[in-house]
Amino acid sequence: MHNRGWRSIYCVTKRDAFRGTAPINLTDRLHQVLRWATGSVEIFFSRNNALFATRRMKFLQRVAYFNCGMYPFTSMFLIVYCVLPAISLFSGQFIVQSLSVTFLVLLLAITITLCLLAILEIKWSGITLHDWWRNEQFWLIGGTSAHPAAVLQGLLKVIAGVDISFTLTSKSATPEDADDEFADLYVVKWSFLMVPPITIMMLNLIAIAVGVARTLYSPFPQWSRLVGGVFFSFWVLSHLYPFAKGLMGRRGRVPTIVYVWSGLLSIIISLLWVYISPPGTQDYMKFQIP
C-alpha cells in the first residue's frame, strides 16, 4: 500500500481497539516467530523488496521495510556471537589477541551506545526494565532458532521451489474464568527449532567445564582469560534461561532428548578435539584459531 502511494497513521486508543489470543508455550511461540520470519524472507526475495520500491515510498519507509526483510538474516551473526565464547574457552585463547587502548575505547563506546539505546527503548515504549530484558532474551531465542530456519526455508523455496508448510499455532481453549488459565504455558512439545538453542547452551556449558579444568591443572594458569571467557558464556546462557525454563515444563524436569543430545554433542566435541590436537603432541590443547 505504501508502495502505491497510500498514507498511514499510527493510532493508539485509550481502550483496546482489538483483542485476541496468542500462543503462550515455548513450541507454539517459536512456530509463530518462524511464520513471521519466513514471510519477511519471502518478501525480501520477491518483487516487493523495498530496494525495488517506487518513488512513492518515502526513504524512511524504504529503510524500515528493508530492515524487516533483512532481519532474519542477522541470525547468522547472532549464532556466531553465541558460539565465540565457547570457542575461546576450548582453545584457551581470548576473543581478541591483545587488549589495547584502542580496543578498550571502542568497547566502551559500543557499551555506552547500547545502554543509551536500551534507555531510549524503555522510555519510548513505556515498559519496565524487566519487560525489556525479557524481550531481549526472547530476541536471542528466536534469533537462534526460528530465524535461521526461516532463512533456510526461504532459500529452499526460491532456489529449489520447495513449498513451505506451516505448523498452525494452537491457541488456548481454556475459559477465562477457569482455575488453570495458564495450563498451556507448561506444555512441552518437541520441535526441530529447539536444536540450535540447546546446542548453544550445551556448547557453552561444556566449554566452561573445559576452561575451568584446564586452568586448574595448568602449571601456569591464566585466570584472566578464564574469567573473560566464562563471563561471555554466562552472558549467552543468561539470555537462554527462559528457553531452558520453558523446556523443563511444569515439573522442572529436563527432557530425555536433552540428555541424549548432550551426550552426542560431548562425543562430537571430544573426537573433534582429539583430531585437531592429538594427545602427545607439543601443542596439545593450545591450537590457534585461524
C-alpha atoms as a PDB file:
ATOM      1  CA  MET A   1       0.000   0.000   0.000  1.00  0.00           C
ATOM      2  CA  HIS A   2       2.824   2.402   0.787  1.00  0.00           C
ATOM      3  CA  ASN A   3       4.459   1.434  -2.485  1.00  0.00           C
ATOM      4  CA  ARG A   4       1.316   2.591  -4.304  1.00  0.00           C
ATOM      5  CA  GLY A   5       1.272   5.936  -2.535  1.00  0.00           C
ATOM      6  CA  TRP A   6      -1.118   5.248   0.347  1.00  0.00           C
ATOM      7  CA  ARG A   7      -0.521   7.093   3.610  1.00  0.00           C
ATOM      8  CA  SER A   8      -0.950   5.612   7.085  1.00  0.00           C
ATOM      9  CA  ILE A   9      -1.058   6.881  10.653  1.00  0.00           C
ATOM     10  CA  TYR A  10      -0.191   5.241  13.964  1.00  0.00           C
ATOM     11  CA  CYS A  11      -3.285   5.321  16.165  1.00  0.00           C
ATOM     12  CA  VAL A  12      -3.360   4.350  19.845  1.00  0.00           C
ATOM     13  CA  THR A  13      -6.749   4.391  21.551  1.00  0.00           C
ATOM     14  CA  LYS A  14      -7.389   4.652  25.283  1.00  0.00           C
ATOM     15  CA  ARG A  15      -9.336   1.401  25.206  1.00  0.00           C
ATOM     16  CA  ASP A  16      -8.011  -1.629  23.367  1.00  0.00           C
ATOM     17  CA  ALA A  17      -9.296  -1.484  19.805  1.00  0.00           C
ATOM     18  CA  PHE A  18      -8.783  -5.211  19.240  1.00  0.00           C
ATOM     19  CA  ARG A  19      -8.190  -8.187  21.454  1.00  0.00           C
ATOM     20  CA  GLY A  20      -7.108 -11.676  20.553  1.00  0.00           C
ATOM     21  CA  THR A  21      -5.416 -14.813  21.770  1.00  0.00           C
ATOM     22  CA  ALA A  22      -1.782 -15.748  21.346  1.00  0.00           C
ATOM     23  CA  PRO A  23       0.304 -18.887  21.954  1.00  0.00           C
ATOM     24  CA  ILE A  24       1.951 -18.907  25.355  1.00  0.00           C
ATOM     25  CA  ASN A  25       4.019 -22.103  25.421  1.00  0.00           C
ATOM     26  CA  LEU A  26       7.523 -22.335  24.017  1.00  0.00           C
ATOM     27  CA  THR A  27       6.893 -24.548  20.988  1.00  0.00           C
ATOM     28  CA  ASP A  28       3.888 -22.670  19.610  1.00  0.00           C
ATOM     29  CA  ARG A  29       5.619 -19.350  20.174  1.00  0.00           C
ATOM     30  CA  LEU A  30       8.663 -20.464  18.178  1.00  0.00           C
ATOM     31  CA  HIS A  31       6.463 -21.653  15.312  1.00  0.00           C
ATOM     32  CA  GLN A  32       4.689 -18.296  15.290  1.00  0.00           C
ATOM     33  CA  VAL A  33       8.010 -16.444  15.061  1.00  0.00           C
ATOM     34  CA  LEU A  34       9.010 -18.850  12.281  1.00  0.00           C
ATOM     35  CA  ARG A  35       5.945 -17.863  10.246  1.00  0.00           C
ATOM     36  CA  TRP A  36       6.652 -14.164  10.697  1.00  0.00           C
ATOM     37  CA  ALA A  37      10.321 -14.529   9.794  1.00  0.00           C
ATOM     38  CA  THR A  38       9.548 -16.689   6.754  1.00  0.00           C
ATOM     39  CA  GLY A  39       7.162 -14.021   5.495  1.00  0.00           C
ATOM     40  CA  SER A  40       9.926 -11.423   5.796  1.00  0.00           C
ATOM     41  CA  VAL A  41      12.334 -13.649   3.861  1.00  0.00           C
ATOM     42  CA  GLU A  42       9.762 -14.248   1.120  1.00  0.00           C
ATOM     43  CA  ILE A  43       9.173 -10.508   0.768  1.00  0.00           C
ATOM     44  CA  PHE A  44      12.922  -9.932   0.562  1.00  0.00           C
ATOM     45  CA  PHE A  45      13.232 -12.354  -2.376  1.00  0.00           C
ATOM     46  CA  SER A  46      10.108 -11.068  -4.134  1.00  0.00           C
ATOM     47  CA  ARG A  47       9.409  -8.076  -6.346  1.00  0.00           C
ATOM     48  CA  ASN A  48       8.023  -6.306  -3.262  1.00  0.00           C
ATOM     49  CA  ASN A  49      11.534  -5.832  -1.908  1.00  0.00           C
ATOM     50  CA  ALA A  50      11.999  -2.313  -0.542  1.00  0.00           C
ATOM     51  CA  LEU A  51      15.083  -1.852  -2.732  1.00  0.00           C
ATOM     52  CA  PHE A  52      12.890  -2.028  -5.840  1.00  0.00           C
ATOM     53  CA  ALA A  53      10.070   0.133  -4.498  1.00  0.00           C
ATOM     54  CA  THR A  54       8.669   3.043  -6.459  1.00  0.00           C
ATOM     55  CA  ARG A  55       9.419   6.689  -5.763  1.00  0.00           C
ATOM     56  CA  ARG A  56       6.110   6.999  -3.938  1.00  0.00           C
ATOM     57  CA  MET A  57       7.598   5.217  -0.941  1.00  0.00           C
ATOM     58  CA  LYS A  58       9.459   7.554   1.384  1.00  0.00           C
ATOM     59  CA  PHE A  59      13.079   6.997   2.328  1.00  0.00           C
ATOM     60  CA  LEU A  60      12.402   6.095   5.977  1.00  0.00           C
ATOM     61  CA  GLN A  61       9.652   3.697   4.900  1.00  0.00           C
ATOM     62  CA  ARG A  62      12.071   2.064   2.490  1.00  0.00           C
ATOM     63  CA  VAL A  63      14.653   1.678   5.267  1.00  0.00           C
ATOM     64  CA  ALA A  64      12.046   0.241   7.664  1.00  0.00           C
ATOM     65  CA  TYR A  65      10.785  -2.346   5.168  1.00  0.00           C
ATOM     66  CA  PHE A  66      14.323  -3.280   4.156  1.00  0.00           C
ATOM     67  CA  ASN A  67      15.187  -3.797   7.828  1.00  0.00           C
ATOM     68  CA  CYS A  68      12.192  -6.126   8.257  1.00  0.00           C
ATOM     69  CA  GLY A  69      13.261  -8.149   5.229  1.00  0.00           C
ATOM     70  CA  MET A  70      16.893  -8.384   6.299  1.00  0.00           C
ATOM     71  CA  TYR A  71      16.187  -9.039   9.972  1.00  0.00           C
ATOM     72  CA  PRO A  72      16.111 -12.875   9.789  1.00  0.00           C
ATOM     73  CA  PHE A  73      19.483 -12.926   8.006  1.00  0.00           C
ATOM     74  CA  THR A  74      21.173 -11.320  11.028  1.00  0.00           C
ATOM     75  CA  SER A  75      20.627 -14.603  12.881  1.00  0.00           C
ATOM     76  CA  MET A  76      23.799 -15.962  11.278  1.00  0.00           C
ATOM     77  CA  PHE A  77      25.893 -13.308  13.026  1.00  0.00           C
ATOM     78  CA  LEU A  78      23.956 -13.886  16.252  1.00  0.00           C
ATOM     79  CA  ILE A  79      24.808 -17.596  16.224  1.00  0.00           C
ATOM     80  CA  VAL A  80      28.486 -16.751  15.723  1.00  0.00           C
ATOM     81  CA  TYR A  81      28.243 -14.327  18.649  1.00  0.00           C
ATOM     82  CA  CYS A  82      26.833 -17.085  20.874  1.00  0.00           C
ATOM     83  CA  VAL A  83      29.475 -19.636  19.834  1.00  0.00           C
ATOM     84  CA  LEU A  84      32.564 -17.399  20.079  1.00  0.00           C
ATOM     85  CA  PRO A  85      32.830 -17.554  23.915  1.00  0.00           C
ATOM     86  CA  ALA A  86      32.786 -21.357  23.787  1.00  0.00           C
ATOM     87  CA  ILE A  87      35.496 -21.402  21.107  1.00  0.00           C
ATOM     88  CA  SER A  88      37.549 -19.056  23.267  1.00  0.00           C
ATOM     89  CA  LEU A  89      37.310 -21.397  26.257  1.00  0.00           C
ATOM     90  CA  PHE A  90      38.015 -24.514  24.189  1.00  0.00           C
ATOM     91  CA  SER A  91      41.089 -23.043  22.523  1.00  0.00           C
ATOM     92  CA  GLY A  92      42.461 -21.246  25.568  1.00  0.00           C
ATOM     93  CA  GLN A  93      42.706 -18.045  23.528  1.00  0.00           C
ATOM     94  CA  PHE A  94      40.784 -14.881  24.330  1.00  0.00           C
ATOM     95  CA  ILE A  95      38.401 -13.406  21.762  1.00  0.00           C
ATOM     96  CA  VAL A  96      40.994 -10.757  20.893  1.00  0.00           C
ATOM     97  CA  GLN A  97      44.751 -11.272  20.795  1.00  0.00           C
ATOM     98  CA  SER A  98      45.632  -8.283  22.988  1.00  0.00           C
ATOM     99  CA  LEU A  99      43.710  -5.698  24.992  1.00  0.00           C
ATOM    100  CA  SER A 100      44.960  -2.442  23.520  1.00  0.00           C
ATOM    101  CA  VAL A 101      43.770   1.027  24.461  1.00  0.00           C
ATOM    102  CA  THR A 102      42.041   1.413  21.097  1.00  0.00           C
ATOM    103  CA  PHE A 103      40.061  -1.792  21.595  1.00  0.00           C
ATOM    104  CA  LEU A 104      39.009  -0.799  25.121  1.00  0.00           C
ATOM    105  CA  VAL A 105      37.881   2.646  23.926  1.00  0.00           C
ATOM    106  CA  LEU A 106      35.820   1.099  21.124  1.00  0.00           C
ATOM    107  CA  LEU A 107      34.341  -1.442  23.534  1.00  0.00           C
ATOM    108  CA  LEU A 108      33.417   1.336  25.971  1.00  0.00           C
ATOM    109  CA  ALA A 109      31.829   3.397  23.187  1.00  0.00           C
ATOM    110  CA  ILE A 110      29.772   0.424  21.968  1.00  0.00           C
ATOM    111  CA  THR A 111      28.667  -0.390  25.529  1.00  0.00           C
ATOM    112  CA  ILE A 112      27.560   3.190  26.216  1.00  0.00           C
ATOM    113  CA  THR A 113      25.703   3.308  22.891  1.00  0.00           C
ATOM    114  CA  LEU A 114      23.840   0.084  23.659  1.00  0.00           C
ATOM    115  CA  CYS A 115      22.902   1.350  27.123  1.00  0.00           C
ATOM    116  CA  LEU A 116      21.564   4.596  25.649  1.00  0.00           C
ATOM    117  CA  LEU A 117      19.554   2.634  23.079  1.00  0.00           C
ATOM    118  CA  ALA A 118      18.098   0.476  25.855  1.00  0.00           C
ATOM    119  CA  ILE A 119      17.089   3.573  27.839  1.00  0.00           C
ATOM    120  CA  LEU A 120      15.525   5.082  24.712  1.00  0.00           C
ATOM    121  CA  GLU A 121      13.528   1.910  24.030  1.00  0.00           C
ATOM    122  CA  ILE A 122      12.269   1.752  27.617  1.00  0.00           C
ATOM    123  CA  LYS A 123      11.254   5.426  27.650  1.00  0.00           C
ATOM    124  CA  TRP A 124       9.647   5.309  24.212  1.00  0.00           C
ATOM    125  CA  SER A 125       7.669   2.096  24.754  1.00  0.00           C
ATOM    126  CA  GLY A 126       6.759   2.808  28.375  1.00  0.00           C
ATOM    127  CA  ILE A 127       7.703  -0.650  29.637  1.00  0.00           C
ATOM    128  CA  THR A 128       9.667  -1.699  32.689  1.00  0.00           C
ATOM    129  CA  LEU A 129      13.285  -2.806  32.705  1.00  0.00           C
ATOM    130  CA  HIS A 130      12.160  -6.364  33.470  1.00  0.00           C
ATOM    131  CA  ASP A 131       9.900  -6.458  30.407  1.00  0.00           C
ATOM    132  CA  TRP A 132      12.689  -5.051  28.245  1.00  0.00           C
ATOM    133  CA  TRP A 133      15.084  -7.745  29.466  1.00  0.00           C
ATOM    134  CA  ARG A 134      12.511 -10.472  28.740  1.00  0.00           C
ATOM    135  CA  ASN A 135      12.155  -9.088  25.224  1.00  0.00           C
ATOM    136  CA  GLU A 136      15.935  -9.175  24.748  1.00  0.00           C
ATOM    137  CA  GLN A 137      16.038 -12.767  25.947  1.00  0.00           C
ATOM    138  CA  PHE A 138      13.383 -13.934  23.520  1.00  0.00           C
ATOM    139  CA  TRP A 139      15.047 -11.948  20.735  1.00  0.00           C
ATOM    140  CA  LEU A 140      18.116 -14.156  21.148  1.00  0.00           C
ATOM    141  CA  ILE A 141      15.996 -17.309  21.497  1.00  0.00           C
ATOM    142  CA  GLY A 142      14.084 -16.553  18.307  1.00  0.00           C
ATOM    143  CA  GLY A 143      17.217 -15.370  16.526  1.00  0.00           C
ATOM    144  CA  THR A 144      18.995 -18.675  17.133  1.00  0.00           C
ATOM    145  CA  SER A 145      16.026 -20.954  16.398  1.00  0.00           C
ATOM    146  CA  ALA A 146      13.212 -19.622  14.205  1.00  0.00           C
ATOM    147  CA  HIS A 147      15.127 -17.061  12.143  1.00  0.00           C
ATOM    148  CA  PRO A 148      17.804 -19.454  10.755  1.00  0.00           C
ATOM    149  CA  ALA A 149      15.048 -21.932   9.890  1.00  0.00           C
ATOM    150  CA  ALA A 150      13.131 -19.163   8.105  1.00  0.00           C
ATOM    151  CA  VAL A 151      16.197 -18.223   6.057  1.00  0.00           C
ATOM    152  CA  LEU A 152      16.745 -21.873   5.117  1.00  0.00           C
ATOM    153  CA  GLN A 153      13.103 -22.374   4.141  1.00  0.00           C
ATOM    154  CA  GLY A 154      13.100 -19.140   2.143  1.00  0.00           C
ATOM    155  CA  LEU A 155      16.218 -20.144   0.222  1.00  0.00           C
ATOM    156  CA  LEU A 156      14.778 -23.595  -0.483  1.00  0.00           C
ATOM    157  CA  LYS A 157      11.596 -22.048  -1.837  1.00  0.00           C
ATOM    158  CA  VAL A 158      13.434 -19.571  -4.053  1.00  0.00           C
ATOM    159  CA  ILE A 159      16.183 -21.900  -5.313  1.00  0.00           C
ATOM    160  CA  ALA A 160      14.522 -25.336  -5.342  1.00  0.00           C
ATOM    161  CA  GLY A 161      10.863 -24.317  -5.429  1.00  0.00           C
ATOM    162  CA  VAL A 162      10.053 -26.249  -2.252  1.00  0.00           C
ATOM    163  CA  ASP A 163       6.750 -25.103  -0.769  1.00  0.00           C
ATOM    164  CA  ILE A 164       6.739 -24.228   2.908  1.00  0.00           C
ATOM    165  CA  SER A 165       4.165 -25.930   5.114  1.00  0.00           C
ATOM    166  CA  PHE A 166       3.459 -24.092   8.337  1.00  0.00           C
ATOM    167  CA  THR A 167       2.541 -25.639  11.652  1.00  0.00           C
ATOM    168  CA  LEU A 168      -0.508 -23.798  12.890  1.00  0.00           C
ATOM    169  CA  THR A 169      -0.083 -22.390  16.363  1.00  0.00           C
ATOM    170  CA  SER A 170      -2.709 -23.633  18.767  1.00  0.00           C
ATOM    171  CA  LYS A 171      -4.466 -21.073  20.921  1.00  0.00           C
ATOM    172  CA  SER A 172      -5.558 -21.778  24.457  1.00  0.00           C
ATOM    173  CA  ALA A 173      -9.139 -23.015  24.618  1.00  0.00           C
ATOM    174  CA  THR A 174      -9.390 -22.634  28.394  1.00  0.00           C
ATOM    175  CA  PRO A 175     -12.121 -20.212  29.502  1.00  0.00           C
ATOM    176  CA  GLU A 176     -11.019 -17.003  31.141  1.00  0.00           C
ATOM    177  CA  ASP A 177     -12.676 -17.896  34.440  1.00  0.00           C
ATOM    178  CA  ALA A 178     -11.132 -21.366  34.639  1.00  0.00           C
ATOM    179  CA  ASP A 179      -8.914 -22.338  37.541  1.00  0.00           C
ATOM    180  CA  ASP A 180      -5.948 -23.322  35.367  1.00  0.00           C
ATOM    181  CA  GLU A 181      -5.910 -20.442  32.914  1.00  0.00           C
ATOM    182  CA  PHE A 182      -2.229 -20.901  32.034  1.00  0.00           C
ATOM    183  CA  ALA A 183      -2.267 -24.676  31.649  1.00  0.00           C
ATOM    184  CA  ASP A 184      -0.887 -24.445  28.101  1.00  0.00           C
ATOM    185  CA  LEU A 185       2.095 -22.486  29.393  1.00  0.00           C
ATOM    186  CA  TYR A 186       3.733 -25.684  30.670  1.00  0.00           C
ATOM    187  CA  VAL A 187       3.039 -27.841  27.609  1.00  0.00           C
ATOM    188  CA  VAL A 188       6.332 -29.026  26.093  1.00  0.00           C
ATOM    189  CA  LYS A 189       6.206 -30.305  22.508  1.00  0.00           C
ATOM    190  CA  TRP A 190       9.445 -31.212  20.791  1.00  0.00           C
ATOM    191  CA  SER A 191      10.350 -29.245  17.671  1.00  0.00           C
ATOM    192  CA  PHE A 192      13.401 -29.082  15.427  1.00  0.00           C
ATOM    193  CA  LEU A 193      13.572 -25.368  16.266  1.00  0.00           C
ATOM    194  CA  MET A 194      14.826 -26.299  19.739  1.00  0.00           C
ATOM    195  CA  VAL A 195      18.008 -27.940  18.437  1.00  0.00           C
ATOM    196  CA  PRO A 196      20.133 -24.770  17.855  1.00  0.00           C
ATOM    197  CA  PRO A 197      19.448 -23.162  21.284  1.00  0.00           C
ATOM    198  CA  ILE A 198      20.057 -26.479  23.067  1.00  0.00           C
ATOM    199  CA  THR A 199      23.309 -26.894  21.134  1.00  0.00           C
ATOM    200  CA  ILE A 200      24.438 -23.382  22.080  1.00  0.00           C
ATOM    201  CA  MET A 201      23.636 -23.985  25.760  1.00  0.00           C
ATOM    202  CA  MET A 202      25.417 -27.337  25.882  1.00  0.00           C
ATOM    203  CA  LEU A 203      28.384 -25.958  23.951  1.00  0.00           C
ATOM    204  CA  ASN A 204      28.877 -23.096  26.406  1.00  0.00           C
ATOM    205  CA  LEU A 205      28.385 -25.309  29.472  1.00  0.00           C
ATOM    206  CA  ILE A 206      30.909 -27.873  28.222  1.00  0.00           C
ATOM    207  CA  ALA A 207      33.307 -25.062  27.293  1.00  0.00           C
ATOM    208  CA  ILE A 208      33.097 -23.611  30.814  1.00  0.00           C
ATOM    209  CA  ALA A 209      33.903 -27.030  32.289  1.00  0.00           C
ATOM    210  CA  VAL A 210      36.846 -27.474  29.898  1.00  0.00           C
ATOM    211  CA  GLY A 211      38.163 -23.974  30.615  1.00  0.00           C
ATOM    212  CA  VAL A 212      37.972 -24.415  34.391  1.00  0.00           C
ATOM    213  CA  ALA A 213      39.648 -27.846  34.237  1.00  0.00           C
ATOM    214  CA  ARG A 214      42.458 -26.551  32.009  1.00  0.00           C
ATOM    215  CA  THR A 215      43.132 -23.594  34.296  1.00  0.00           C
ATOM    216  CA  LEU A 216      43.104 -25.670  37.488  1.00  0.00           C
ATOM    217  CA  TYR A 217      45.508 -28.312  36.168  1.00  0.00           C
ATOM    218  CA  SER A 218      47.738 -25.978  34.170  1.00  0.00           C
ATOM    219  CA  PRO A 219      51.261 -25.308  35.534  1.00  0.00           C
ATOM    220  CA  PHE A 220      50.832 -21.663  34.503  1.00  0.00           C
ATOM    221  CA  PRO A 221      47.124 -20.865  34.968  1.00  0.00           C
ATOM    222  CA  GLN A 222      45.790 -17.802  33.171  1.00  0.00           C
ATOM    223  CA  TRP A 223      42.833 -16.750  35.273  1.00  0.00           C
ATOM    224  CA  SER A 224      42.184 -13.533  33.356  1.00  0.00           C
ATOM    225  CA  ARG A 225      41.420 -15.411  30.134  1.00  0.00           C
ATOM    226  CA  LEU A 226      39.229 -17.850  32.039  1.00  0.00           C
ATOM    227  CA  VAL A 227      37.238 -15.071  33.702  1.00  0.00           C
ATOM    228  CA  GLY A 228      36.762 -13.281  30.378  1.00  0.00           C
ATOM    229  CA  GLY A 229      35.599 -16.393  28.555  1.00  0.00           C
ATOM    230  CA  VAL A 230      33.311 -17.530  31.386  1.00  0.00           C
ATOM    231  CA  PHE A 231      31.756 -14.054  31.626  1.00  0.00           C
ATOM    232  CA  PHE A 232      30.748 -14.018  27.961  1.00  0.00           C
ATOM    233  CA  SER A 233      29.498 -17.619  28.139  1.00  0.00           C
ATOM    234  CA  PHE A 234      27.346 -16.796  31.167  1.00  0.00           C
ATOM    235  CA  TRP A 235      26.050 -13.747  29.310  1.00  0.00           C
ATOM    236  CA  VAL A 236      24.849 -16.011  26.496  1.00  0.00           C
ATOM    237  CA  LEU A 237      23.376 -18.524  28.961  1.00  0.00           C
ATOM    238  CA  SER A 238      21.517 -15.775  30.829  1.00  0.00           C
ATOM    239  CA  HIS A 239      19.706 -14.898  27.602  1.00  0.00           C
ATOM    240  CA  LEU A 240      18.736 -18.544  27.100  1.00  0.00           C
ATOM    241  CA  TYR A 241      17.456 -19.026  30.659  1.00  0.00           C
ATOM    242  CA  PRO A 242      13.732 -18.636  29.739  1.00  0.00           C
ATOM    243  CA  PHE A 243      14.225 -21.200  26.980  1.00  0.00           C
ATOM    244  CA  ALA A 244      15.692 -23.708  29.444  1.00  0.00           C
ATOM    245  CA  LYS A 245      12.905 -22.992  31.926  1.00  0.00           C
ATOM    246  CA  GLY A 246      10.213 -23.473  29.289  1.00  0.00           C
ATOM    247  CA  LEU A 247      11.908 -26.645  28.087  1.00  0.00           C
ATOM    248  CA  MET A 248      11.642 -28.253  31.532  1.00  0.00           C
ATOM    249  CA  GLY A 249       7.892 -27.654  31.799  1.00  0.00           C
ATOM    250  CA  ARG A 250       5.739 -27.595  34.917  1.00  0.00           C
ATOM    251  CA  ARG A 251       7.617 -30.283  36.850  1.00  0.00           C
ATOM    252  CA  GLY A 252      11.035 -28.773  36.193  1.00  0.00           C
ATOM    253  CA  ARG A 253      12.395 -31.978  34.659  1.00  0.00           C
ATOM    254  CA  VAL A 254      14.884 -31.957  31.835  1.00  0.00           C
ATOM    255  CA  PRO A 255      13.521 -33.870  28.795  1.00  0.00           C
ATOM    256  CA  THR A 256      15.296 -37.078  27.824  1.00  0.00           C
ATOM    257  CA  ILE A 257      16.173 -35.680  24.404  1.00  0.00           C
ATOM    258  CA  VAL A 258      18.345 -33.049  26.105  1.00  0.00           C
ATOM    259  CA  TYR A 259      20.451 -35.742  27.808  1.00  0.00           C
ATOM    260  CA  VAL A 260      20.769 -37.653  24.538  1.00  0.00           C
ATOM    261  CA  TRP A 261      21.733 -34.546  22.592  1.00  0.00           C
ATOM    262  CA  SER A 262      24.214 -33.515  25.304  1.00  0.00           C
ATOM    263  CA  GLY A 263      25.919 -36.900  25.139  1.00  0.00           C
ATOM    264  CA  LEU A 264      26.145 -36.814  21.351  1.00  0.00           C
ATOM    265  CA  LEU A 265      27.473 -33.262  21.404  1.00  0.00           C
ATOM    266  CA  SER A 266      30.095 -34.155  24.017  1.00  0.00           C
ATOM    267  CA  ILE A 267      31.268 -37.114  21.938  1.00  0.00           C
ATOM    268  CA  ILE A 268      31.473 -34.979  18.787  1.00  0.00           C
ATOM    269  CA  ILE A 269      33.446 -32.249  20.575  1.00  0.00           C
ATOM    270  CA  SER A 270      35.816 -34.812  22.120  1.00  0.00           C
ATOM    271  CA  LEU A 271      36.501 -36.518  18.788  1.00  0.00           C
ATOM    272  CA  LEU A 272      36.990 -33.163  17.085  1.00  0.00           C
ATOM    273  CA  TRP A 273      39.364 -32.069  19.841  1.00  0.00           C
ATOM    274  CA  VAL A 274      41.445 -35.246  19.558  1.00  0.00           C
ATOM    275  CA  TYR A 275      41.567 -34.830  15.776  1.00  0.00           C
ATOM    276  CA  ILE A 276      42.760 -31.211  15.994  1.00  0.00           C
ATOM    277  CA  SER A 277      45.231 -31.742  18.858  1.00  0.00           C
ATOM    278  CA  PRO A 278      46.159 -35.422  19.222  1.00  0.00           C
ATOM    279  CA  PRO A 279      47.473 -36.464  22.661  1.00  0.00           C
ATOM    280  CA  GLY A 280      51.241 -36.425  22.920  1.00  0.00           C
ATOM    281  CA  THR A 281      51.814 -33.512  20.565  1.00  0.00           C
ATOM    282  CA  GLN A 282      53.651 -30.437  21.719  1.00  0.00           C
ATOM    283  CA  ASP A 283      50.777 -28.070  21.084  1.00  0.00           C
ATOM    284  CA  TYR A 284      48.200 -30.189  22.860  1.00  0.00           C
ATOM    285  CA  MET A 285      45.193 -28.110  23.914  1.00  0.00           C
ATOM    286  CA  LYS A 286      46.888 -24.970  22.603  1.00  0.00           C
ATOM    287  CA  PHE A 287      45.858 -24.790  18.952  1.00  0.00           C
ATOM    288  CA  GLN A 288      45.487 -21.384  17.369  1.00  0.00           C
ATOM    289  CA  ILE A 289      42.284 -20.078  15.853  1.00  0.00           C
ATOM    290  CA  PRO A 290      42.904 -19.499  12.131  1.00  0.00           C
END
